Amino acid sequence: MIFGRPGSGKSTFTIKLAEKLRLPVHHLDKHFFVTNWAMRNYEEFLDIQYHLVSQQCWIIDGNSLQSLHIRYSEARVFCSLK
């Protein structure tokens, strides 16, 4: 779970970390926005996050503080990939 100020390098760090650890990576902006940077329906955005964190292993980067509890409650230090 990676979050921080806009423009602080979250996505760059996330990509490098995911490559090193060989973990799937998800950028919240890609799920929050749809075509032409229009905001997705918020309930749908929350459902997407619940689906992402239900996976065994993941790295998610983004600043959505209103939904931080979703990611925080499922964050793990270690996971095992098959």
PDB file of N, CA and C in Angstrom:
ATOM      1  N   MET A   1       0.853  -1.151   0.000  1.00  0.00           N
ATOM      2  CA  MET A   1       0.000   0.000   0.000  1.00  0.00           C
ATOM      3  C   MET A   1       0.906   1.222   0.000  1.00  0.00           C
ATOM      4  N   ILE A   2       0.817   2.004  -1.066  1.00  0.00           N
ATOM      5  CA  ILE A   2       1.676   3.175  -1.228  1.00  0.00           C
ATOM      6  C   ILE A   2       0.774   4.400  -1.350  1.00  0.00           C
ATOM      7  N   PHE A   3       0.977   5.378  -0.471  1.00  0.00           N
ATOM      8  CA  PHE A   3       0.257   6.633  -0.638  1.00  0.00           C
ATOM      9  C   PHE A   3       1.154   7.780  -0.217  1.00  0.00           C
ATOM     10  N   GLY A   4       0.861   8.942  -0.754  1.00  0.00           N
ATOM     11  CA  GLY A   4       1.671  10.119  -0.477  1.00  0.00           C
ATOM     12  C   GLY A   4       1.169  11.296  -1.285  1.00  0.00           C
ATOM     13  N   ARG A   5       1.881  12.369  -1.218  1.00  0.00           N
ATOM     14  CA  ARG A   5       1.478  13.605  -1.895  1.00  0.00           C
ATOM     15  C   ARG A   5       1.497  13.435  -3.410  1.00  0.00           C
ATOM     16  N   PRO A   6       0.622  14.167  -4.101  1.00  0.00           N
ATOM     17  CA  PRO A   6       0.653  14.126  -5.571  1.00  0.00           C
ATOM     18  C   PRO A   6       2.026  14.545  -6.101  1.00  0.00           C
ATOM     19  N   GLY A   7       2.509  13.815  -7.092  1.00  0.00           N
ATOM     20  CA  GLY A   7       3.796  14.137  -7.699  1.00  0.00           C
ATOM     21  C   GLY A   7       5.009  13.725  -6.890  1.00  0.00           C
ATOM     22  N   SER A   8       4.804  12.937  -5.830  1.00  0.00           N
ATOM     23  CA  SER A   8       5.924  12.562  -4.958  1.00  0.00           C
ATOM     24  C   SER A   8       6.687  11.334  -5.441  1.00  0.00           C
ATOM     25  N   GLY A   9       6.223  10.689  -6.518  1.00  0.00           N
ATOM     26  CA  GLY A   9       6.925   9.521  -7.044  1.00  0.00           C
ATOM     27  C   GLY A   9       6.306   8.200  -6.661  1.00  0.00           C
ATOM     28  N   LYS A  10       5.070   8.219  -6.192  1.00  0.00           N
ATOM     29  CA  LYS A  10       4.402   6.980  -5.785  1.00  0.00           C
ATOM     30  C   LYS A  10       4.381   5.942  -6.901  1.00  0.00           C
ATOM     31  N   SER A  11       3.944   6.361  -8.071  1.00  0.00           N
ATOM     32  CA  SER A  11       3.814   5.402  -9.176  1.00  0.00           C
ATOM     33  C   SER A  11       5.158   4.850  -9.605  1.00  0.00           C
ATOM     34  N   THR A  12       6.166   5.696  -9.683  1.00  0.00           N
ATOM     35  CA  THR A  12       7.512   5.243 -10.051  1.00  0.00           C
ATOM     36  C   THR A  12       8.035   4.242  -9.033  1.00  0.00           C
ATOM     37  N   PHE A  13       7.904   4.567  -7.751  1.00  0.00           N
ATOM     38  CA  PHE A  13       8.346   3.666  -6.691  1.00  0.00           C
ATOM     39  C   PHE A  13       7.568   2.353  -6.741  1.00  0.00           C
ATOM     40  N   THR A  14       6.251   2.453  -6.928  1.00  0.00           N
ATOM     41  CA  THR A  14       5.400   1.266  -6.964  1.00  0.00           C
ATOM     42  C   THR A  14       5.800   0.323  -8.083  1.00  0.00           C
ATOM     43  N   ILE A  15       6.054   0.863  -9.257  1.00  0.00           N
ATOM     44  CA  ILE A  15       6.446   0.035 -10.400  1.00  0.00           C
ATOM     45  C   ILE A  15       7.762  -0.678 -10.122  1.00  0.00           C
ATOM     46  N   LYS A  16       8.737   0.030  -9.586  1.00  0.00           N
ATOM     47  CA  LYS A  16      10.034  -0.593  -9.290  1.00  0.00           C
ATOM     48  C   LYS A  16       9.901  -1.648  -8.198  1.00  0.00           C
ATOM     49  N   LEU A  17       9.112  -1.361  -7.171  1.00  0.00           N
ATOM     50  CA  LEU A  17       8.905  -2.327  -6.092  1.00  0.00           C
ATOM     51  C   LEU A  17       8.194  -3.575  -6.607  1.00  0.00           C
ATOM     52  N   ALA A  18       7.182  -3.381  -7.430  1.00  0.00           N
ATOM     53  CA  ALA A  18       6.441  -4.513  -7.986  1.00  0.00           C
ATOM     54  C   ALA A  18       7.330  -5.387  -8.860  1.00  0.00           C
ATOM     55  N   GLU A  19       8.211  -4.760  -9.635  1.00  0.00           N
ATOM     56  CA  GLU A  19       9.145  -5.531 -10.463  1.00  0.00           C
ATOM     57  C   GLU A  19      10.092  -6.339  -9.587  1.00  0.00           C
ATOM     58  N   LYS A  20      10.606  -5.712  -8.552  1.00  0.00           N
ATOM     59  CA  LYS A  20      11.565  -6.390  -7.674  1.00  0.00           C
ATOM     60  C   LYS A  20      10.910  -7.554  -6.918  1.00  0.00           C
ATOM     61  N   LEU A  21       9.694  -7.320  -6.405  1.00  0.00           N
ATOM     62  CA  LEU A  21       9.016  -8.346  -5.611  1.00  0.00           C
ATOM     63  C   LEU A  21       8.139  -9.269  -6.451  1.00  0.00           C
ATOM     64  N   ARG A  22       7.977  -8.928  -7.726  1.00  0.00           N
ATOM     65  CA  ARG A  22       7.137  -9.696  -8.636  1.00  0.00           C
ATOM     66  C   ARG A  22       5.702  -9.801  -8.106  1.00  0.00           C
ATOM     67  N   LEU A  23       5.156  -8.650  -7.746  1.00  0.00           N
ATOM     68  CA  LEU A  23       3.789  -8.583  -7.248  1.00  0.00           C
ATOM     69  C   LEU A  23       2.923  -7.786  -8.220  1.00  0.00           C
ATOM     70  N   PRO A  24       1.636  -8.093  -8.261  1.00  0.00           N
ATOM     71  CA  PRO A  24       0.740  -7.301  -9.105  1.00  0.00           C
ATOM     72  C   PRO A  24       0.582  -5.892  -8.537  1.00  0.00           C
ATOM     73  N   VAL A  25       0.492  -4.924  -9.434  1.00  0.00           N
ATOM     74  CA  VAL A  25       0.381  -3.531  -9.010  1.00  0.00           C
ATOM     75  C   VAL A  25      -0.903  -2.926  -9.574  1.00  0.00           C
ATOM     76  N   HIS A  26      -1.530  -2.083  -8.762  1.00  0.00           N
ATOM     77  CA  HIS A  26      -2.758  -1.401  -9.157  1.00  0.00           C
ATOM     78  C   HIS A  26      -2.615   0.078  -8.787  1.00  0.00           C
ATOM     79  N   HIS A  27      -2.898   0.946  -9.749  1.00  0.00           N
ATOM     80  CA  HIS A  27      -2.855   2.389  -9.520  1.00  0.00           C
ATOM     81  C   HIS A  27      -4.292   2.874  -9.379  1.00  0.00           C
ATOM     82  N   LEU A  28      -4.639   3.430  -8.222  1.00  0.00           N
ATOM     83  CA  LEU A  28      -6.024   3.831  -7.979  1.00  0.00           C
ATOM     84  C   LEU A  28      -6.546   4.824  -9.003  1.00  0.00           C
ATOM     85  N   ASP A  29      -5.682   5.710  -9.497  1.00  0.00           N
ATOM     86  CA  ASP A  29      -6.141   6.675 -10.499  1.00  0.00           C
ATOM     87  C   ASP A  29      -6.725   5.983 -11.722  1.00  0.00           C
ATOM     88  N   LYS A  30      -6.159   4.833 -12.087  1.00  0.00           N
ATOM     89  CA  LYS A  30      -6.663   4.112 -13.259  1.00  0.00           C
ATOM     90  C   LYS A  30      -8.049   3.534 -13.011  1.00  0.00           C
ATOM     91  N   HIS A  31      -8.425   3.375 -11.751  1.00  0.00           N
ATOM     92  CA  HIS A  31      -9.743   2.856 -11.409  1.00  0.00           C
ATOM     93  C   HIS A  31     -10.713   3.971 -11.036  1.00  0.00           C
ATOM     94  N   PHE A  32     -10.197   5.086 -10.556  1.00  0.00           N
ATOM     95  CA  PHE A  32     -11.041   6.207 -10.136  1.00  0.00           C
ATOM     96  C   PHE A  32     -11.563   6.996 -11.326  1.00  0.00           C
ATOM     97  N   PHE A  33     -10.735   7.115 -12.355  1.00  0.00           N
ATOM     98  CA  PHE A  33     -11.113   7.880 -13.532  1.00  0.00           C
ATOM     99  C   PHE A  33     -11.481   6.956 -14.688  1.00  0.00           C
ATOM    100  N   VAL A  34     -12.394   7.423 -15.508  1.00  0.00           N
ATOM    101  CA  VAL A  34     -12.740   6.728 -16.740  1.00  0.00           C
ATOM    102  C   VAL A  34     -12.312   7.628 -17.893  1.00  0.00           C
ATOM    103  N   THR A  35     -12.865   7.463 -19.054  1.00  0.00           N
ATOM    104  CA  THR A  35     -12.479   8.214 -20.254  1.00  0.00           C
ATOM    105  C   THR A  35     -12.430   9.722 -20.007  1.00  0.00           C
ATOM    106  N   ASN A  36     -11.387  10.347 -20.523  1.00  0.00           N
ATOM    107  CA  ASN A  36     -11.191  11.803 -20.432  1.00  0.00           C
ATOM    108  C   ASN A  36     -11.155  12.323 -18.993  1.00  0.00           C
ATOM    109  N   TRP A  37     -10.611  11.541 -18.094  1.00  0.00           N
ATOM    110  CA  TRP A  37     -10.429  11.922 -16.696  1.00  0.00           C
ATOM    111  C   TRP A  37     -11.740  12.216 -15.970  1.00  0.00           C
ATOM    112  N   ALA A  38     -12.828  11.644 -16.445  1.00  0.00           N
ATOM    113  CA  ALA A  38     -14.102  11.767 -15.737  1.00  0.00           C
ATOM    114  C   ALA A  38     -14.085  10.803 -14.553  1.00  0.00           C
ATOM    115  N   MET A  39     -14.667  11.217 -13.435  1.00  0.00           N
ATOM    116  CA  MET A  39     -14.679  10.370 -12.243  1.00  0.00           C
ATOM    117  C   MET A  39     -15.689   9.235 -12.406  1.00  0.00           C
ATOM    118  N   ARG A  40     -15.263   8.059 -11.984  1.00  0.00           N
ATOM    119  CA  ARG A  40     -16.123   6.879 -11.986  1.00  0.00           C
ATOM    120  C   ARG A  40     -17.141   7.037 -10.851  1.00  0.00           C
ATOM    121  N   ASN A  41     -18.265   6.355 -10.949  1.00  0.00           N
ATOM    122  CA  ASN A  41     -19.224   6.294  -9.856  1.00  0.00           C
ATOM    123  C   ASN A  41     -18.483   5.823  -8.600  1.00  0.00           C
ATOM    124  N   TYR A  42     -18.656   6.530  -7.491  1.00  0.00           N
ATOM    125  CA  TYR A  42     -17.845   6.256  -6.305  1.00  0.00           C
ATOM    126  C   TYR A  42     -18.115   4.868  -5.724  1.00  0.00           C
ATOM    127  N   GLU A  43     -19.367   4.424  -5.729  1.00  0.00           N
ATOM    128  CA  GLU A  43     -19.675   3.086  -5.221  1.00  0.00           C
ATOM    129  C   GLU A  43     -18.973   2.013  -6.058  1.00  0.00           C
ATOM    130  N   GLU A  44     -18.916   2.228  -7.342  1.00  0.00           N
ATOM    131  CA  GLU A  44     -18.209   1.305  -8.228  1.00  0.00           C
ATOM    132  C   GLU A  44     -16.712   1.315  -7.907  1.00  0.00           C
ATOM    133  N   PHE A  45     -16.152   2.491  -7.646  1.00  0.00           N
ATOM    134  CA  PHE A  45     -14.747   2.624  -7.270  1.00  0.00           C
ATOM    135  C   PHE A  45     -14.465   1.842  -5.981  1.00  0.00           C
ATOM    136  N   LEU A  46     -15.373   1.934  -5.017  1.00  0.00           N
ATOM    137  CA  LEU A  46     -15.202   1.179  -3.769  1.00  0.00           C
ATOM    138  C   LEU A  46     -15.270  -0.323  -4.026  1.00  0.00           C
ATOM    139  N   ASP A  47     -16.205  -0.750  -4.851  1.00  0.00           N
ATOM    140  CA  ASP A  47     -16.316  -2.176  -5.187  1.00  0.00           C
ATOM    141  C   ASP A  47     -15.043  -2.692  -5.842  1.00  0.00           C
ATOM    142  N   ILE A  48     -14.458  -1.897  -6.715  1.00  0.00           N
ATOM    143  CA  ILE A  48     -13.200  -2.286  -7.360  1.00  0.00           C
ATOM    144  C   ILE A  48     -12.109  -2.479  -6.317  1.00  0.00           C
ATOM    145  N   GLN A  49     -12.035  -1.570  -5.357  1.00  0.00           N
ATOM    146  CA  GLN A  49     -11.008  -1.702  -4.322  1.00  0.00           C
ATOM    147  C   GLN A  49     -11.220  -2.949  -3.473  1.00  0.00           C
ATOM    148  N   TYR A  50     -12.470  -3.228  -3.114  1.00  0.00           N
ATOM    149  CA  TYR A  50     -12.737  -4.455  -2.348  1.00  0.00           C
ATOM    150  C   TYR A  50     -12.292  -5.684  -3.140  1.00  0.00           C
ATOM    151  N   HIS A  51     -12.515  -5.667  -4.431  1.00  0.00           N
ATOM    152  CA  HIS A  51     -12.065  -6.787  -5.266  1.00  0.00           C
ATOM    153  C   HIS A  51     -10.536  -6.875  -5.284  1.00  0.00           C
ATOM    154  N   LEU A  52      -9.865  -5.743  -5.446  1.00  0.00           N
ATOM    155  CA  LEU A  52      -8.397  -5.750  -5.504  1.00  0.00           C
ATOM    156  C   LEU A  52      -7.790  -6.292  -4.216  1.00  0.00           C
ATOM    157  N   VAL A  53      -8.288  -5.851  -3.069  1.00  0.00           N
ATOM    158  CA  VAL A  53      -7.684  -6.279  -1.801  1.00  0.00           C
ATOM    159  C   VAL A  53      -8.083  -7.694  -1.412  1.00  0.00           C
ATOM    160  N   SER A  54      -9.058  -8.273  -2.109  1.00  0.00           N
ATOM    161  CA  SER A  54      -9.422  -9.661  -1.816  1.00  0.00           C
ATOM    162  C   SER A  54      -8.413 -10.633  -2.418  1.00  0.00           C
ATOM    163  N   GLN A  55      -7.555 -10.138  -3.307  1.00  0.00           N
ATOM    164  CA  GLN A  55      -6.511 -10.968  -3.900  1.00  0.00           C
ATOM    165  C   GLN A  55      -5.441 -11.257  -2.849  1.00  0.00           C
ATOM    166  N   GLN A  56      -4.725 -12.340  -3.029  1.00  0.00           N
ATOM    167  CA  GLN A  56      -3.734 -12.744  -2.036  1.00  0.00           C
ATOM    168  C   GLN A  56      -2.585 -11.742  -1.913  1.00  0.00           C
ATOM    169  N   CYS A  57      -2.104 -11.240  -3.035  1.00  0.00           N
ATOM    170  CA  CYS A  57      -0.952 -10.337  -3.031  1.00  0.00           C
ATOM    171  C   CYS A  57      -1.235  -9.147  -3.935  1.00  0.00           C
ATOM    172  N   TRP A  58      -0.792  -7.984  -3.510  1.00  0.00           N
ATOM    173  CA  TRP A  58      -1.001  -6.785  -4.314  1.00  0.00           C
ATOM    174  C   TRP A  58      -0.177  -5.625  -3.767  1.00  0.00           C
ATOM    175  N   ILE A  59       0.050  -4.677  -4.655  1.00  0.00           N
ATOM    176  CA  ILE A  59       0.569  -3.363  -4.272  1.00  0.00           C
ATOM    177  C   ILE A  59      -0.398  -2.370  -4.901  1.00  0.00           C
ATOM    178  N   ILE A  60      -0.931  -1.478  -4.094  1.00  0.00           N
ATOM    179  CA  ILE A  60      -1.860  -0.465  -4.589  1.00  0.00           C
ATOM    180  C   ILE A  60      -1.279   0.900  -4.260  1.00  0.00           C
ATOM    181  N   ASP A  61      -1.208   1.761  -5.276  1.00  0.00           N
ATOM    182  CA  ASP A  61      -0.756   3.123  -5.004  1.00  0.00           C
ATOM    183  C   ASP A  61      -1.900   4.090  -5.264  1.00  0.00           C
ATOM    184  N   GLY A  62      -1.995   5.080  -4.408  1.00  0.00           N
ATOM    185  CA  GLY A  62      -3.031   6.088  -4.573  1.00  0.00           C
ATOM    186  C   GLY A  62      -3.314   6.819  -3.283  1.00  0.00           C
ATOM    187  N   ASN A  63      -3.991   7.934  -3.424  1.00  0.00           N
ATOM    188  CA  ASN A  63      -4.232   8.813  -2.279  1.00  0.00           C
ATOM    189  C   ASN A  63      -5.655   8.810  -1.762  1.00  0.00           C
ATOM    190  N   SER A  64      -6.495   7.964  -2.212  1.00  0.00           N
ATOM    191  CA  SER A  64      -7.895   8.014  -1.801  1.00  0.00           C
ATOM    192  C   SER A  64      -8.019   7.759  -0.303  1.00  0.00           C
ATOM    193  N   LEU A  65      -7.976   8.853   0.464  1.00  0.00           N
ATOM    194  CA  LEU A  65      -8.015   8.721   1.920  1.00  0.00           C
ATOM    195  C   LEU A  65      -9.386   8.303   2.422  1.00  0.00           C
ATOM    196  N   GLN A  66     -10.440   8.653   1.705  1.00  0.00           N
ATOM    197  CA  GLN A  66     -11.787   8.269   2.133  1.00  0.00           C
ATOM    198  C   GLN A  66     -11.978   6.763   2.103  1.00  0.00           C
ATOM    199  N   SER A  67     -11.211   6.070   1.288  1.00  0.00           N
ATOM    200  CA  SER A  67     -11.334   4.615   1.208  1.00  0.00           C
ATOM    201  C   SER A  67     -10.070   3.905   1.707  1.00  0.00           C
ATOM    202  N   LEU A  68      -9.240   4.614   2.413  1.00  0.00           N
ATOM    203  CA  LEU A  68      -7.993   4.033   2.936  1.00  0.00           C
ATOM    204  C   LEU A  68      -8.275   2.815   3.808  1.00  0.00           C
ATOM    205  N   HIS A  69      -9.368   2.841   4.553  1.00  0.00           N
ATOM    206  CA  HIS A  69      -9.697   1.724   5.439  1.00  0.00           C
ATOM    207  C   HIS A  69      -9.829   0.405   4.676  1.00  0.00           C
ATOM    208  N   ILE A  70     -10.269   0.459   3.437  1.00  0.00           N
ATOM    209  CA  ILE A  70     -10.415  -0.762   2.639  1.00  0.00           C
ATOM    210  C   ILE A  70      -9.049  -1.409   2.426  1.00  0.00           C
ATOM    211  N   ARG A  71      -8.100  -0.605   1.999  1.00  0.00           N
ATOM    212  CA  ARG A  71      -6.758  -1.122   1.720  1.00  0.00           C
ATOM    213  C   ARG A  71      -6.000  -1.437   3.004  1.00  0.00           C
ATOM    214  N   TYR A  72      -6.103  -0.566   3.978  1.00  0.00           N
ATOM    215  CA  TYR A  72      -5.367  -0.733   5.235  1.00  0.00           C
ATOM    216  C   TYR A  72      -5.783  -2.017   5.957  1.00  0.00           C
ATOM    217  N   SER A  73      -7.081  -2.311   5.954  1.00  0.00           N
ATOM    218  CA  SER A  73      -7.564  -3.485   6.690  1.00  0.00           C
ATOM    219  C   SER A  73      -7.071  -4.795   6.078  1.00  0.00           C
ATOM    220  N   GLU A  74      -6.682  -4.778   4.820  1.00  0.00           N
ATOM    221  CA  GLU A  74      -6.241  -6.006   4.147  1.00  0.00           C
ATOM    222  C   GLU A  74      -4.747  -6.013   3.808  1.00  0.00           C
ATOM    223  N   ALA A  75      -4.043  -4.954   4.142  1.00  0.00           N
ATOM    224  CA  ALA A  75      -2.611  -4.870   3.816  1.00  0.00           C
ATOM    225  C   ALA A  75      -1.822  -5.892   4.628  1.00  0.00           C
ATOM    226  N   ARG A  76      -0.865  -6.518   3.979  1.00  0.00           N
ATOM    227  CA  ARG A  76       0.001  -7.509   4.608  1.00  0.00           C
ATOM    228  C   ARG A  76       1.450  -7.158   4.299  1.00  0.00           C
ATOM    229  N   VAL A  77       2.318  -7.485   5.216  1.00  0.00           N
ATOM    230  CA  VAL A  77       3.743  -7.261   4.981  1.00  0.00           C
ATOM    231  C   VAL A  77       4.269  -8.324   4.022  1.00  0.00           C
ATOM    232  N   PHE A  78       3.842  -9.541   4.195  1.00  0.00           N
ATOM    233  CA  PHE A  78       4.315 -10.626   3.341  1.00  0.00           C
ATOM    234  C   PHE A  78       3.123 -11.363   2.754  1.00  0.00           C
ATOM    235  N   CYS A  79       3.310 -11.906   1.598  1.00  0.00           N
ATOM    236  CA  CYS A  79       2.314 -12.770   0.998  1.00  0.00           C
ATOM    237  C   CYS A  79       3.087 -13.849   0.245  1.00  0.00           C
ATOM    238  N   SER A  80       2.414 -14.909  -0.065  1.00  0.00           N
ATOM    239  CA  SER A  80       3.101 -15.982  -0.793  1.00  0.00           C
ATOM    240  C   SER A  80       2.444 -16.145  -2.151  1.00  0.00           C
ATOM    241  N   LEU A  81       3.254 -16.078  -3.184  1.00  0.00           N
ATOM    242  CA  LEU A  81       2.773 -16.279  -4.535  1.00  0.00           C
ATOM    243  C   LEU A  81       2.915 -17.749  -4.897  1.00  0.00           C
ATOM    244  N   LYS A  82       1.976 -18.241  -5.651  1.00  0.00           N
ATOM    245  CA  LYS A  82       2.042 -19.647  -6.062  1.00  0.00           C
ATOM    246  C   LYS A  82       2.850 -19.789  -7.309  1.00  0.00           C
TER     247      LYS A  82
END
